[in-house]
Amino acid sequence: MFNIAKRVFLFVAVNILVVMTIGIVLGLLGVHNKLPEGMYTQLLVVCLIWGMVGAFISLALSRIMAKWLMGVHVIPPNVGDPALRELVQIVHSLARKSGIETMPEVGIYESDEVNAFATGPTRSRSLVAVSTGLLRNMRREEIEGVLAHEISHITNGDMVTMTLVQGVINAFVMFLARVVAFVVSRAMSRSDDDRGGGLIYFLFVMLFQFVFSLFGAIIVCWFSRWREFRADAGGAELAGRLKMISALESLQQFYQRNIESSATKEEASFQAFKISGKQGGLLRLFATHPPLEERIARLKKVG
């Protein structure tokens, strides 16, 4: 649930890098350096294919990247530590309750943040990981609410759905970047034979791909916020509405205390922003989570 912010930021960042890399490869291969009349449809098809490929590469690597970058250690079901064994049992119990047949991997990683996340390319190849800070700062019923939320993400197929959204965005980013770059480079070049025209076009493609990728990230973050509400509702069904509300309220209190007591308030505020989305101005467009108070209010209305 709560560390989906890092997961989404990583997902978006990887996609931007993939799109930029694909753009460089296509440029070096001379693919669609020119856009003569009638080529727009073909270009769109090529971009759609490559955009989807890039998104699904990110999805396929999501579980591996999470383990590597965040230092997640997978917990075996027969682990000797009673607390870790109970954690695995809670995850598997919720997974069975939600109809998942192949149990997710359960992992833990060192972090003082109160975080957890779920990732993986499919329901049968998923990972649920929690931070050591979450285990230290939350009661059992609150942890159950957190894990139910994560299982709901898996059940809803959120990462696959986000991959499809990201794939379409990738396609339009690459397509629009080339169309706009072609128009701008033609306007700047004195003639079609201008030797610098190809380089100008290539540089503009890279520039517009980066800019349009940022706009695409806004759409991905909006979609992520919408999916959070749905995962909250699913978590409430699995673990109980009161446990889900208690988990969110505990998180809200933890980050508020952290901001008030932290010597580096900007960093603490940013950590809370990633989770709660409580921020003003343009930055809120990049929030992957709605404000915690709004999420809590929605769950309380259901009752």
Protein backbone atom coordinates (compact mmCIF):
# COMPACT_ATOMS: atom_id res chain seq x y z
CA MET A 1 0.00 0.00 0.00
CA PHE A 2 2.08 2.78 1.35
CA ASN A 3 5.28 2.28 -0.58
CA ILE A 4 3.45 1.99 -3.88
CA ALA A 5 4.68 5.58 -4.23
CA LYS A 6 8.25 4.38 -4.66
CA ARG A 7 7.06 1.58 -6.90
CA VAL A 8 5.13 3.93 -9.16
CA PHE A 9 7.97 6.48 -9.25
CA LEU A 10 10.37 3.66 -10.16
CA PHE A 11 7.92 2.35 -12.76
CA VAL A 12 7.56 5.78 -14.36
CA ALA A 13 11.31 6.43 -14.25
CA VAL A 14 12.10 3.10 -15.85
CA ASN A 15 9.54 3.78 -18.57
CA ILE A 16 11.04 7.19 -19.33
CA LEU A 17 14.46 5.57 -19.63
CA VAL A 18 13.05 2.80 -21.82
CA VAL A 19 11.28 5.31 -24.08
CA MET A 20 14.42 7.43 -24.37
CA THR A 21 16.52 4.36 -25.13
CA ILE A 22 14.07 3.15 -27.77
CA GLY A 23 14.07 6.64 -29.26
CA ILE A 24 17.86 6.65 -29.51
CA VAL A 25 17.88 3.19 -31.10
CA LEU A 26 15.20 4.17 -33.63
CA GLY A 27 17.13 7.35 -34.40
CA LEU A 28 20.40 5.50 -34.94
CA LEU A 29 18.63 3.03 -37.20
CA GLY A 30 17.13 5.88 -39.19
CA VAL A 31 13.57 4.76 -38.48
CA HIS A 32 11.09 7.51 -39.40
CA ASN A 33 13.63 10.28 -39.58
CA LYS A 34 11.35 11.70 -42.23
CA LEU A 35 7.60 11.95 -42.04
CA PRO A 36 6.34 12.13 -45.61
CA GLU A 37 2.64 12.33 -46.20
CA GLY A 38 0.90 9.06 -45.45
CA MET A 39 3.49 7.83 -42.94
CA TYR A 40 1.70 8.95 -39.78
CA THR A 41 -0.39 5.80 -39.48
CA GLN A 42 2.65 3.57 -39.88
CA LEU A 43 4.57 5.65 -37.35
CA LEU A 44 1.74 5.38 -34.83
CA VAL A 45 1.64 1.59 -35.20
CA VAL A 46 5.42 1.33 -34.73
CA CYS A 47 5.28 3.57 -31.66
CA LEU A 48 2.38 1.59 -30.18
CA ILE A 49 4.30 -1.67 -30.54
CA TRP A 50 7.50 -0.24 -29.08
CA GLY A 51 5.59 1.60 -26.35
CA MET A 52 3.89 -1.57 -25.18
CA VAL A 53 7.16 -3.49 -25.34
CA GLY A 54 8.82 -0.91 -23.11
CA ALA A 55 5.98 -0.97 -20.58
CA PHE A 56 5.87 -4.75 -20.37
CA ILE A 57 9.64 -4.92 -19.97
CA SER A 58 9.21 -2.68 -16.92
CA LEU A 59 6.44 -4.93 -15.62
CA ALA A 60 8.42 -8.11 -16.16
CA LEU A 61 11.35 -6.66 -14.21
CA SER A 62 9.25 -5.10 -11.44
CA ARG A 63 9.64 -7.88 -8.87
CA ILE A 64 13.35 -8.35 -9.57
CA MET A 65 14.00 -4.59 -9.48
CA ALA A 66 12.12 -4.22 -6.19
CA LYS A 67 14.21 -6.92 -4.54
CA TRP A 68 17.46 -5.50 -5.90
CA LEU A 69 16.94 -1.76 -5.38
CA MET A 70 15.19 -1.97 -2.01
CA GLY A 71 17.09 -4.90 -0.58
CA VAL A 72 14.04 -7.09 -0.06
CA HIS A 73 14.73 -10.44 1.57
CA VAL A 74 12.13 -13.11 0.80
CA ILE A 75 10.82 -14.85 3.93
CA PRO A 76 10.43 -18.65 3.64
CA PRO A 77 7.06 -19.93 4.95
CA ASN A 78 8.85 -22.14 7.51
CA VAL A 79 11.02 -19.33 8.89
CA GLY A 80 12.00 -19.80 12.52
CA ASP A 81 11.20 -16.24 13.66
CA PRO A 82 7.60 -16.31 15.03
CA ALA A 83 6.90 -12.69 14.02
CA LEU A 84 8.03 -13.26 10.43
CA ARG A 85 6.19 -16.57 10.25
CA GLU A 86 3.01 -14.81 11.38
CA LEU A 87 3.56 -12.16 8.70
CA VAL A 88 3.74 -14.84 6.01
CA GLN A 89 0.65 -16.55 7.40
CA ILE A 90 -1.36 -13.31 7.33
CA VAL A 91 -0.40 -12.61 3.72
CA HIS A 92 -1.22 -16.14 2.59
CA SER A 93 -4.50 -16.17 4.51
CA LEU A 94 -5.61 -12.92 2.88
CA ALA A 95 -4.45 -14.15 -0.53
CA ARG A 96 -6.51 -17.33 -0.23
CA LYS A 97 -9.50 -15.31 0.94
CA SER A 98 -9.23 -13.09 -2.15
CA GLY A 99 -9.09 -16.10 -4.47
CA ILE A 100 -5.37 -16.08 -5.31
CA GLU A 101 -4.24 -19.67 -5.92
CA THR A 102 -0.46 -19.23 -6.08
CA MET A 103 0.70 -17.61 -2.87
CA PRO A 104 2.68 -14.36 -3.21
CA GLU A 105 6.26 -14.15 -2.06
CA VAL A 106 6.54 -12.32 1.25
CA GLY A 107 9.56 -10.13 1.88
CA ILE A 108 11.00 -7.67 4.36
CA TYR A 109 13.46 -4.83 3.93
CA GLU A 110 15.30 -2.47 6.26
CA SER A 111 13.73 0.98 6.48
CA ASP A 112 12.54 3.28 9.23
CA GLU A 113 9.61 4.34 7.05
CA VAL A 114 6.24 2.74 7.70
CA ASN A 115 5.82 1.19 4.28
CA ALA A 116 4.65 -1.86 2.39
CA PHE A 117 4.16 -2.62 -1.28
CA ALA A 118 3.00 -5.28 -3.70
CA THR A 119 4.44 -5.83 -7.14
CA GLY A 120 4.93 -8.48 -9.80
CA PRO A 121 3.96 -9.19 -13.40
CA THR A 122 1.01 -11.50 -12.62
CA ARG A 123 -1.11 -12.70 -9.71
CA SER A 124 0.86 -15.95 -9.69
CA ARG A 125 4.22 -14.14 -9.66
CA SER A 126 3.66 -11.43 -7.09
CA LEU A 127 5.58 -10.08 -4.13
CA VAL A 128 4.33 -8.43 -0.95
CA ALA A 129 7.03 -6.69 1.08
CA VAL A 130 6.96 -4.71 4.30
CA SER A 131 9.51 -2.47 5.96
CA THR A 132 11.00 -3.15 9.35
CA GLY A 133 9.62 0.25 10.37
CA LEU A 134 6.08 -0.93 9.68
CA LEU A 135 6.50 -4.00 11.85
CA ARG A 136 7.91 -1.88 14.67
CA ASN A 137 5.28 0.85 14.60
CA MET A 138 1.98 -0.87 13.79
CA ARG A 139 -0.22 -3.22 15.77
CA ARG A 140 -1.24 -6.58 14.34
CA GLU A 141 -4.70 -5.46 13.22
CA GLU A 142 -3.20 -2.42 11.49
CA ILE A 143 -0.61 -4.58 9.74
CA GLU A 144 -3.44 -6.83 8.59
CA GLY A 145 -5.21 -3.82 7.10
CA VAL A 146 -2.03 -2.81 5.27
CA LEU A 147 -1.51 -6.31 3.89
CA ALA A 148 -5.15 -6.60 2.84
CA HIS A 149 -4.71 -3.41 0.83
CA GLU A 150 -1.65 -4.88 -0.88
CA ILE A 151 -3.40 -8.14 -1.66
CA SER A 152 -6.22 -6.10 -3.14
CA HIS A 153 -3.71 -4.47 -5.51
CA ILE A 154 -2.68 -7.94 -6.67
CA THR A 155 -6.25 -9.18 -6.98
CA ASN A 156 -7.27 -6.11 -8.97
CA GLY A 157 -4.32 -6.59 -11.32
CA ASP A 158 -3.24 -3.00 -10.76
CA MET A 159 0.29 -3.40 -12.10
CA VAL A 160 -0.94 -5.04 -15.31
CA THR A 161 -3.57 -2.34 -15.78
CA MET A 162 -1.00 0.37 -15.14
CA THR A 163 1.29 -1.31 -17.66
CA LEU A 164 -1.39 -1.05 -20.34
CA VAL A 165 -1.95 2.60 -19.48
CA GLN A 166 1.79 3.27 -19.52
CA GLY A 167 2.16 1.43 -22.82
CA VAL A 168 -0.41 3.64 -24.51
CA ILE A 169 1.22 6.72 -23.03
CA ASN A 170 4.63 5.54 -24.23
CA ALA A 171 3.24 5.14 -27.74
CA PHE A 172 1.79 8.64 -27.88
CA VAL A 173 4.91 10.12 -26.30
CA MET A 174 7.10 8.65 -29.03
CA PHE A 175 4.61 9.49 -31.77
CA LEU A 176 3.96 13.09 -30.75
CA ALA A 177 7.65 13.71 -30.04
CA ARG A 178 8.53 12.73 -33.60
CA VAL A 179 5.71 14.67 -35.20
CA VAL A 180 6.46 17.87 -33.25
CA ALA A 181 10.21 17.45 -33.70
CA PHE A 182 9.71 17.04 -37.44
CA VAL A 183 7.66 20.23 -37.66
CA VAL A 184 10.10 22.24 -35.53
CA SER A 185 13.24 20.92 -37.23
CA ARG A 186 11.77 21.59 -40.67
CA ALA A 187 10.97 25.14 -39.62
CA MET A 188 14.53 25.66 -38.37
CA SER A 189 16.26 24.03 -41.33
CA ARG A 190 16.83 26.19 -44.37
CA SER A 191 16.31 23.32 -46.78
CA ASP A 192 15.63 19.60 -46.91
CA ASP A 193 19.30 19.15 -47.83
CA ASP A 194 20.55 20.90 -44.73
CA ARG A 195 23.12 18.48 -43.27
CA GLY A 196 22.35 19.61 -39.75
CA GLY A 197 18.65 18.92 -40.14
CA GLY A 198 18.96 15.28 -39.09
CA LEU A 199 20.85 16.14 -35.93
CA ILE A 200 18.42 18.92 -35.05
CA TYR A 201 15.52 16.54 -35.56
CA PHE A 202 17.13 13.88 -33.36
CA LEU A 203 17.83 16.33 -30.54
CA PHE A 204 14.28 17.65 -30.64
CA VAL A 205 12.91 14.11 -30.54
CA MET A 206 14.89 13.45 -27.34
CA LEU A 207 13.75 16.75 -25.84
CA PHE A 208 10.07 16.31 -26.64
CA GLN A 209 10.11 12.67 -25.51
CA PHE A 210 11.35 13.77 -22.10
CA VAL A 211 8.82 16.62 -21.84
CA PHE A 212 5.87 14.51 -23.02
CA SER A 213 6.96 11.69 -20.68
CA LEU A 214 6.55 14.07 -17.75
CA PHE A 215 3.02 14.91 -18.89
CA GLY A 216 2.40 11.19 -19.24
CA ALA A 217 3.61 10.69 -15.68
CA ILE A 218 0.86 13.04 -14.49
CA ILE A 219 -1.72 10.72 -16.08
CA VAL A 220 -0.09 7.66 -14.51
CA CYS A 221 -0.12 9.32 -11.08
CA TRP A 222 -3.78 10.30 -11.45
CA PHE A 223 -4.58 6.70 -12.34
CA SER A 224 -2.57 5.51 -9.33
CA ARG A 225 -4.58 7.75 -7.01
CA TRP A 226 -7.83 6.33 -8.38
CA ARG A 227 -6.57 2.76 -7.90
CA GLU A 228 -5.66 3.55 -4.29
CA PHE A 229 -9.29 4.24 -3.44
CA ARG A 230 -10.26 0.92 -5.00
CA ALA A 231 -7.53 -0.94 -3.11
CA ASP A 232 -8.69 0.68 0.14
CA ALA A 233 -12.19 -0.64 -0.50
CA GLY A 234 -10.81 -4.08 -1.33
CA GLY A 235 -8.66 -4.08 1.79
CA ALA A 236 -11.69 -3.17 3.88
CA GLU A 237 -13.56 -6.16 2.47
CA LEU A 238 -10.71 -8.57 3.16
CA ALA A 239 -9.57 -7.45 6.61
CA GLY A 240 -12.53 -5.40 7.79
CA ARG A 241 -13.32 -1.73 7.41
CA LEU A 242 -12.19 -0.80 10.93
CA LYS A 243 -8.77 -2.40 10.44
CA MET A 244 -8.32 -0.56 7.17
CA ILE A 245 -9.28 2.75 8.75
CA SER A 246 -7.05 2.07 11.74
CA ALA A 247 -4.09 1.37 9.44
CA LEU A 248 -4.57 4.65 7.56
CA GLU A 249 -5.02 6.64 10.78
CA SER A 250 -1.88 5.07 12.27
CA LEU A 251 0.07 5.99 9.16
CA GLN A 252 -1.28 9.54 9.28
CA GLN A 253 -0.22 9.93 12.91
CA PHE A 254 3.21 8.43 12.28
CA TYR A 255 4.09 10.79 9.45
CA GLN A 256 2.70 13.80 11.29
CA ARG A 257 4.93 13.00 14.28
CA ASN A 258 7.84 12.38 11.94
CA ILE A 259 7.44 15.78 10.28
CA GLU A 260 7.11 17.60 13.59
CA SER A 261 10.17 15.97 15.16
CA SER A 262 12.43 15.63 12.13
CA ALA A 263 15.47 17.86 11.85
CA THR A 264 15.19 17.67 8.05
CA LYS A 265 11.56 18.63 7.66
CA GLU A 266 11.74 18.92 3.89
CA GLU A 267 12.72 15.27 3.58
CA ALA A 268 10.13 14.14 6.11
CA SER A 269 7.47 16.20 4.39
CA PHE A 270 8.34 14.65 1.05
CA GLN A 271 8.07 11.14 2.50
CA ALA A 272 4.62 12.00 3.82
CA PHE A 273 3.69 13.58 0.49
CA LYS A 274 4.49 10.37 -1.37
CA ILE A 275 2.07 8.55 0.89
CA SER A 276 -0.66 11.09 1.51
CA GLY A 277 -0.56 13.26 -1.57
CA LYS A 278 -1.11 16.26 0.70
CA GLN A 279 0.69 18.97 -1.19
CA GLY A 280 -0.26 22.06 -3.10
CA GLY A 281 0.55 23.48 -6.50
CA LEU A 282 1.80 21.51 -9.46
CA LEU A 283 3.57 18.99 -7.25
CA ARG A 284 0.25 17.46 -6.28
CA LEU A 285 -0.20 16.34 -9.90
CA PHE A 286 2.66 13.90 -9.31
CA ALA A 287 1.23 12.48 -6.08
CA THR A 288 0.61 8.75 -6.39
CA HIS A 289 -1.72 8.72 -3.38
CA PRO A 290 -4.78 10.80 -2.46
CA PRO A 291 -4.65 12.67 0.86
CA LEU A 292 -4.93 10.26 3.78
CA GLU A 293 -7.79 12.20 5.31
CA GLU A 294 -9.76 11.80 2.10
CA ARG A 295 -9.12 8.07 2.00
CA ILE A 296 -10.16 7.70 5.63
CA ALA A 297 -13.30 9.78 5.06
CA ARG A 298 -14.35 7.59 2.13
CA LEU A 299 -14.00 4.42 4.18
CA LYS A 300 -15.98 5.89 7.06
CA LYS A 301 -18.81 6.87 4.72
CA VAL A 302 -19.19 3.26 3.59
CA GLY A 303 -20.25 2.23 7.06
